[in-house]
C-alpha cells in the first residue's frame, strides 16, 4: 500500500503573523517556517500504520518555495520513505483552486492508495483542499476525522457534528483529512535524521507534472486580495473604581457595548 501525506510549511504560530500590504499575502519572512502541526499528525497516522505493516510505503508531498525542503526532510527523518516537492515560481500566491489542481496532478504522478492531510492549515484555514483534491482525482473523501482505522481495502473513522458523531467509511483509493484529536507526531531520531539524507527526494515543476499554467489555469480564476488593513493597536481598557456605584457603571458599560 502507498500512503501519501500532504504537508504544508506555514509561519510558526508562536511568532507574529502579518500580511504583506503590497500583495495582501502572508509575509512568510516575518516568522520561522515550520511544518503545520496538523500535517505532522497526519504523517503520524501513516507512520503508525506502517509500523504494523512493513509493506507500506509512505510518501510526503508539499508545494511551496525552496524553504519547504527543510520540512520535507523532517518528514523523511520521522520515517517517510520518499518526498516530492512541487516547486515553481508560477505558484506564488496560489489559492485553493490552483493548489488543489497541482496537488492532484502530483498525486497522479506519484500514485497512491490513500492520501492523508490535515483538516485545515494554520495560515489559510480554508479547510477545503483535501476535498477539492479528491474531487479532482475522482476518488471518495472523508474529512475532519477524529479517529482513523486503515485496512487493505478501506478506511473507517469518526467525525463530530453538532448533533453527535458520525462513523464514516470509504473504499480505497481515497482521501482523508484528520483533526487535532489524532495523536501528536513522533520526534525524529538520530538514525532517522541520518538516513533521511539518502532517501529519494524529487523536485517537480509544473512542466514535470504536465501542467501549462497558461492553459490549465486559464478561466479557472484566482483569488486576488484587493485591500488589506492593518489590525489596530489594542486600546487600554476602562477601569471602574468601586465607589458604591460600580455595579451601575459596569451595567452601563455593557449596555453601551451591546454586550448585555
Protein backbone atom coordinates (compact mmCIF):
# COMPACT_ATOMS: atom_id res chain seq x y z
CA UNK A 1 0.00 0.00 0.00
CA UNK A 2 1.18 3.51 -0.80
CA UNK A 3 0.11 6.28 1.57
CA UNK A 4 0.79 9.87 0.53
CA UNK A 5 0.75 12.59 3.19
CA UNK A 6 0.15 16.18 2.14
CA UNK A 7 2.30 18.60 4.12
CA UNK A 8 2.39 22.37 4.22
CA UNK A 9 5.05 24.73 5.53
CA UNK A 10 3.49 27.60 7.48
CA UNK A 11 4.65 30.54 9.62
CA UNK A 12 5.24 29.44 13.21
CA UNK A 13 2.14 30.15 15.30
CA UNK A 14 4.38 31.26 18.17
CA UNK A 15 5.53 34.22 16.09
CA UNK A 16 3.56 37.19 14.86
CA UNK A 17 1.90 36.54 11.52
CA UNK A 18 1.37 39.56 9.33
CA UNK A 19 0.20 40.33 5.80
CA UNK A 20 2.34 42.00 3.18
CA UNK A 21 0.38 45.20 2.49
CA UNK A 22 1.63 45.37 -1.10
CA UNK A 23 0.33 41.91 -2.04
CA UNK A 24 -2.21 41.05 0.63
CA UNK A 25 -0.45 37.70 1.11
CA UNK A 26 1.06 36.29 4.28
CA UNK A 27 4.54 37.66 4.91
CA UNK A 28 6.36 34.35 5.22
CA UNK A 29 9.65 36.03 6.06
CA UNK A 30 8.13 37.56 9.18
CA UNK A 31 8.49 34.40 11.31
CA UNK A 32 10.09 30.97 11.30
CA UNK A 33 8.73 28.43 8.80
CA UNK A 34 7.61 25.08 10.24
CA UNK A 35 5.58 22.07 9.14
CA UNK A 36 1.96 22.67 10.04
CA UNK A 37 1.38 20.74 13.26
CA UNK A 38 -1.80 19.12 11.94
CA UNK A 39 0.15 17.75 8.96
CA UNK A 40 2.69 16.20 11.33
CA UNK A 41 -0.22 14.40 12.98
CA UNK A 42 -1.36 13.24 9.54
CA UNK A 43 2.12 11.82 8.94
CA UNK A 44 1.96 10.10 12.33
CA UNK A 45 -1.25 8.31 11.25
CA UNK A 46 0.57 6.98 8.18
CA UNK A 47 3.72 6.02 10.06
CA UNK A 48 1.78 4.25 12.81
CA UNK A 49 0.09 2.09 10.20
CA UNK A 50 3.44 1.46 8.54
CA UNK A 51 4.93 0.33 11.88
CA UNK A 52 2.47 -2.55 11.91
CA UNK A 53 2.54 -3.24 8.16
CA UNK A 54 6.06 -3.34 6.77
CA UNK A 55 4.93 -3.44 3.14
CA UNK A 56 3.51 0.10 3.40
CA UNK A 57 5.26 2.94 1.55
CA UNK A 58 4.83 6.48 2.89
CA UNK A 59 5.46 9.49 0.65
CA UNK A 60 5.35 13.13 1.77
CA UNK A 61 4.28 15.76 -0.77
CA UNK A 62 4.42 19.52 -0.44
CA UNK A 63 4.05 22.58 -2.65
CA UNK A 64 5.92 25.81 -1.96
CA UNK A 65 9.18 27.70 -2.07
CA UNK A 66 12.68 26.33 -1.52
CA UNK A 67 12.08 26.70 2.25
CA UNK A 68 9.79 23.66 2.07
CA UNK A 69 12.85 21.42 1.71
CA UNK A 70 13.53 21.61 5.45
CA UNK A 71 10.03 20.44 6.31
CA UNK A 72 10.11 17.57 3.85
CA UNK A 73 13.50 16.46 5.18
CA UNK A 74 11.97 16.36 8.65
CA UNK A 75 9.18 14.17 7.30
CA UNK A 76 11.79 11.79 5.90
CA UNK A 77 13.64 11.80 9.22
CA UNK A 78 10.40 10.90 11.02
CA UNK A 79 10.07 7.81 8.84
CA UNK A 80 8.62 8.63 5.42
CA UNK A 81 10.23 6.70 2.55
CA UNK A 82 10.41 9.48 -0.05
CA UNK A 83 9.44 13.10 -0.68
CA UNK A 84 8.10 15.15 -3.57
CA UNK A 85 8.47 18.93 -3.63
CA UNK A 86 6.42 20.84 -6.20
CA UNK A 87 8.44 23.98 -6.85
CA UNK A 88 7.51 26.57 -9.47
CA UNK A 89 7.54 30.38 -9.40
CA UNK A 90 4.16 30.43 -11.18
CA UNK A 91 2.56 29.10 -7.98
CA UNK A 92 3.41 32.10 -5.81
CA UNK A 93 0.21 33.19 -4.06
CA UNK A 94 -1.78 30.22 -5.39
CA UNK A 95 -5.31 29.95 -3.96
CA UNK A 96 -7.09 26.72 -3.00
CA UNK A 97 -8.26 26.15 -6.58
CA UNK A 98 -4.77 26.25 -8.03
CA UNK A 99 -3.32 24.40 -5.07
CA UNK A 100 -5.76 21.51 -5.35
CA UNK A 101 -5.19 21.27 -9.11
CA UNK A 102 -1.43 20.99 -8.67
CA UNK A 103 -1.59 18.57 -5.73
CA UNK A 104 -3.97 16.34 -7.67
CA UNK A 105 -1.51 16.30 -10.58
CA UNK A 106 1.34 15.45 -8.21
CA UNK A 107 -0.66 12.59 -6.70
CA UNK A 108 -1.48 11.26 -10.15
CA UNK A 109 2.25 11.21 -10.84
CA UNK A 110 3.26 9.50 -7.58
CA UNK A 111 0.32 7.11 -7.44
CA UNK A 112 -1.48 6.40 -4.16
CA UNK A 113 -3.85 4.11 -2.31
CA UNK A 114 -4.60 6.57 0.50
CA UNK A 115 -3.97 10.30 0.84
CA UNK A 116 -3.88 11.80 4.35
CA UNK A 117 -3.95 15.53 5.08
CA UNK A 118 -4.65 17.85 7.97
CA UNK A 119 -8.16 19.27 8.10
CA UNK A 120 -7.01 22.88 7.61
CA UNK A 121 -3.81 24.90 7.66
CA UNK A 122 -3.00 27.47 10.33
CA UNK A 123 -2.10 30.14 7.79
CA UNK A 124 -5.06 29.82 5.42
CA UNK A 125 -7.68 27.96 7.40
CA UNK A 126 -9.81 27.16 4.34
CA UNK A 127 -10.33 23.52 5.25
CA UNK A 128 -11.35 22.58 1.69
CA UNK A 129 -8.17 21.49 -0.11
CA UNK A 130 -8.37 17.75 0.79
CA UNK A 131 -11.96 17.53 -0.51
CA UNK A 132 -11.10 19.52 -3.64
CA UNK A 133 -8.12 17.26 -4.34
CA UNK A 134 -10.34 14.19 -4.01
CA UNK A 135 -12.93 15.68 -6.38
CA UNK A 136 -10.24 16.38 -8.98
CA UNK A 137 -8.93 12.82 -8.64
CA UNK A 138 -12.42 11.31 -8.77
CA UNK A 139 -11.99 9.35 -5.52
CA UNK A 140 -14.06 9.36 -2.29
CA UNK A 141 -13.09 11.58 0.61
CA UNK A 142 -13.90 11.50 4.33
CA UNK A 143 -12.79 14.62 6.15
CA UNK A 144 -12.35 16.02 9.67
CA UNK A 145 -11.77 12.57 11.16
CA UNK A 146 -11.14 12.26 14.89
CA UNK A 147 -10.14 8.60 14.63
CA UNK A 148 -8.79 6.51 11.76
CA UNK A 149 -8.66 2.77 11.10
CA UNK A 150 -6.94 1.74 7.87
CA UNK A 151 -7.30 -1.66 6.22
CA UNK A 152 -6.08 -3.17 2.95
CA UNK A 153 -9.17 -2.06 1.04
CA UNK A 154 -10.72 0.79 3.02
CA UNK A 155 -10.59 3.39 5.76
CA UNK A 156 -13.01 4.00 8.64
CA UNK A 157 -13.21 6.90 11.04
CA UNK A 158 -15.36 9.11 13.24
CA UNK A 159 -16.19 12.77 12.82
CA UNK A 160 -18.13 15.07 15.14
CA UNK A 161 -21.17 17.07 14.18
CA UNK A 162 -23.39 19.47 16.09
CA UNK A 163 -25.68 16.56 16.93
CA UNK A 164 -23.22 13.81 17.78
CA UNK A 165 -20.71 11.60 15.99
CA UNK A 166 -20.75 10.00 12.57
CA UNK A 167 -18.93 6.79 11.72
CA UNK A 168 -17.86 7.08 8.10
CA UNK A 169 -16.00 4.83 5.70
CA UNK A 170 -14.63 4.77 2.18
CA UNK A 171 -13.10 2.21 -0.13
CA UNK A 172 -9.54 2.77 -1.33
CA UNK A 173 -8.20 4.70 -3.13
CA UNK A 174 -9.44 7.65 -1.07
CA UNK A 175 -8.50 10.98 0.52
CA UNK A 176 -8.97 11.68 4.23
CA UNK A 177 -8.25 14.64 6.49
CA UNK A 178 -7.74 14.47 10.25
CA UNK A 179 -8.17 16.80 13.21
CA UNK A 180 -6.02 17.55 16.24
CA UNK A 181 -7.77 14.70 18.09
CA UNK A 182 -5.29 12.33 16.47
CA UNK A 183 -2.01 11.65 18.35
CA UNK A 184 0.92 14.05 18.29
CA UNK A 185 3.75 13.26 15.91
CA UNK A 186 6.85 11.36 16.92
CA UNK A 187 10.22 13.08 17.18
CA UNK A 188 12.85 12.25 14.55
CA UNK A 189 15.59 10.00 15.91
CA UNK A 190 19.26 10.43 15.12
CA UNK A 191 19.23 7.34 12.91
CA UNK A 192 16.23 8.73 11.02
CA UNK A 193 17.89 12.10 10.55
CA UNK A 194 20.98 10.49 9.06
CA UNK A 195 19.04 8.12 6.79
CA UNK A 196 16.83 10.99 5.55
CA UNK A 197 19.78 12.33 3.57
CA UNK A 198 19.83 9.18 1.42
CA UNK A 199 16.10 8.83 0.76
CA UNK A 200 14.59 9.76 -2.62
CA UNK A 201 13.75 13.46 -2.86
CA UNK A 202 12.08 14.65 -6.06
CA UNK A 203 11.67 18.29 -7.06
CA UNK A 204 8.97 18.73 -9.70
CA UNK A 205 7.99 21.81 -11.69
CA UNK A 206 4.59 22.40 -13.26
CA UNK A 207 6.05 21.21 -16.55
CA UNK A 208 7.14 17.95 -14.92
CA UNK A 209 3.53 17.42 -13.82
CA UNK A 210 2.23 18.11 -17.31
CA UNK A 211 0.75 21.47 -16.32
CA UNK A 212 0.93 24.53 -18.56
CA UNK A 213 -0.24 27.47 -16.39
CA UNK A 214 -1.45 29.41 -19.43
CA UNK A 215 -3.72 26.52 -20.39
CA UNK A 216 -4.55 24.68 -17.16
CA UNK A 217 -5.36 27.79 -15.12
CA UNK A 218 -6.99 29.72 -17.97
CA UNK A 219 -10.53 30.55 -16.97
CA UNK A 220 -10.14 28.77 -13.63
CA UNK A 221 -9.90 32.02 -11.75
CA UNK A 222 -7.59 33.03 -8.98
CA UNK A 223 -8.35 34.72 -5.68
CA UNK A 224 -6.97 38.26 -5.58
CA UNK A 225 -6.67 40.38 -2.43
CA UNK A 226 -7.99 43.84 -3.23
CA UNK A 227 -7.30 45.57 0.07
CA UNK A 228 -5.60 44.91 3.38
CA UNK A 229 -5.94 46.83 6.63
CA UNK A 230 -3.53 46.52 9.50
CA UNK A 231 -5.09 45.40 12.75
CA UNK A 232 -5.46 48.44 15.03
CA UNK A 233 -3.36 48.60 18.14
CA UNK A 234 -5.09 47.40 21.26
CA UNK A 235 -6.51 50.31 23.26
CA UNK A 236 -6.37 50.48 27.04
CA UNK A 237 -9.46 49.23 28.83
CA UNK A 238 -11.77 51.24 31.03
CA UNK A 239 -11.09 50.96 34.74
CA UNK A 240 -14.05 51.12 37.10
CA UNK A 241 -13.32 52.13 40.68
CA UNK A 242 -15.95 50.99 43.15
CA UNK A 243 -17.28 53.99 45.00
CA UNK A 244 -20.61 52.43 45.75
CA UNK A 245 -21.90 52.54 42.17
CA UNK A 246 -19.55 50.11 40.39
CA UNK A 247 -22.42 47.78 39.52
CA UNK A 248 -24.32 50.54 37.77
CA UNK A 249 -21.22 51.71 35.88
CA UNK A 250 -20.46 48.14 34.80
CA UNK A 251 -24.02 47.63 33.58
CA UNK A 252 -23.92 50.92 31.66
CA UNK A 253 -20.61 49.88 30.06
CA UNK A 254 -22.02 46.54 28.93
CA UNK A 255 -25.17 48.16 27.54
CA UNK A 256 -23.12 50.77 25.64
CA UNK A 257 -21.08 47.99 24.04
CA UNK A 258 -24.21 45.98 23.20
CA UNK A 259 -22.87 43.19 25.39
CA UNK A 260 -25.90 42.91 27.63
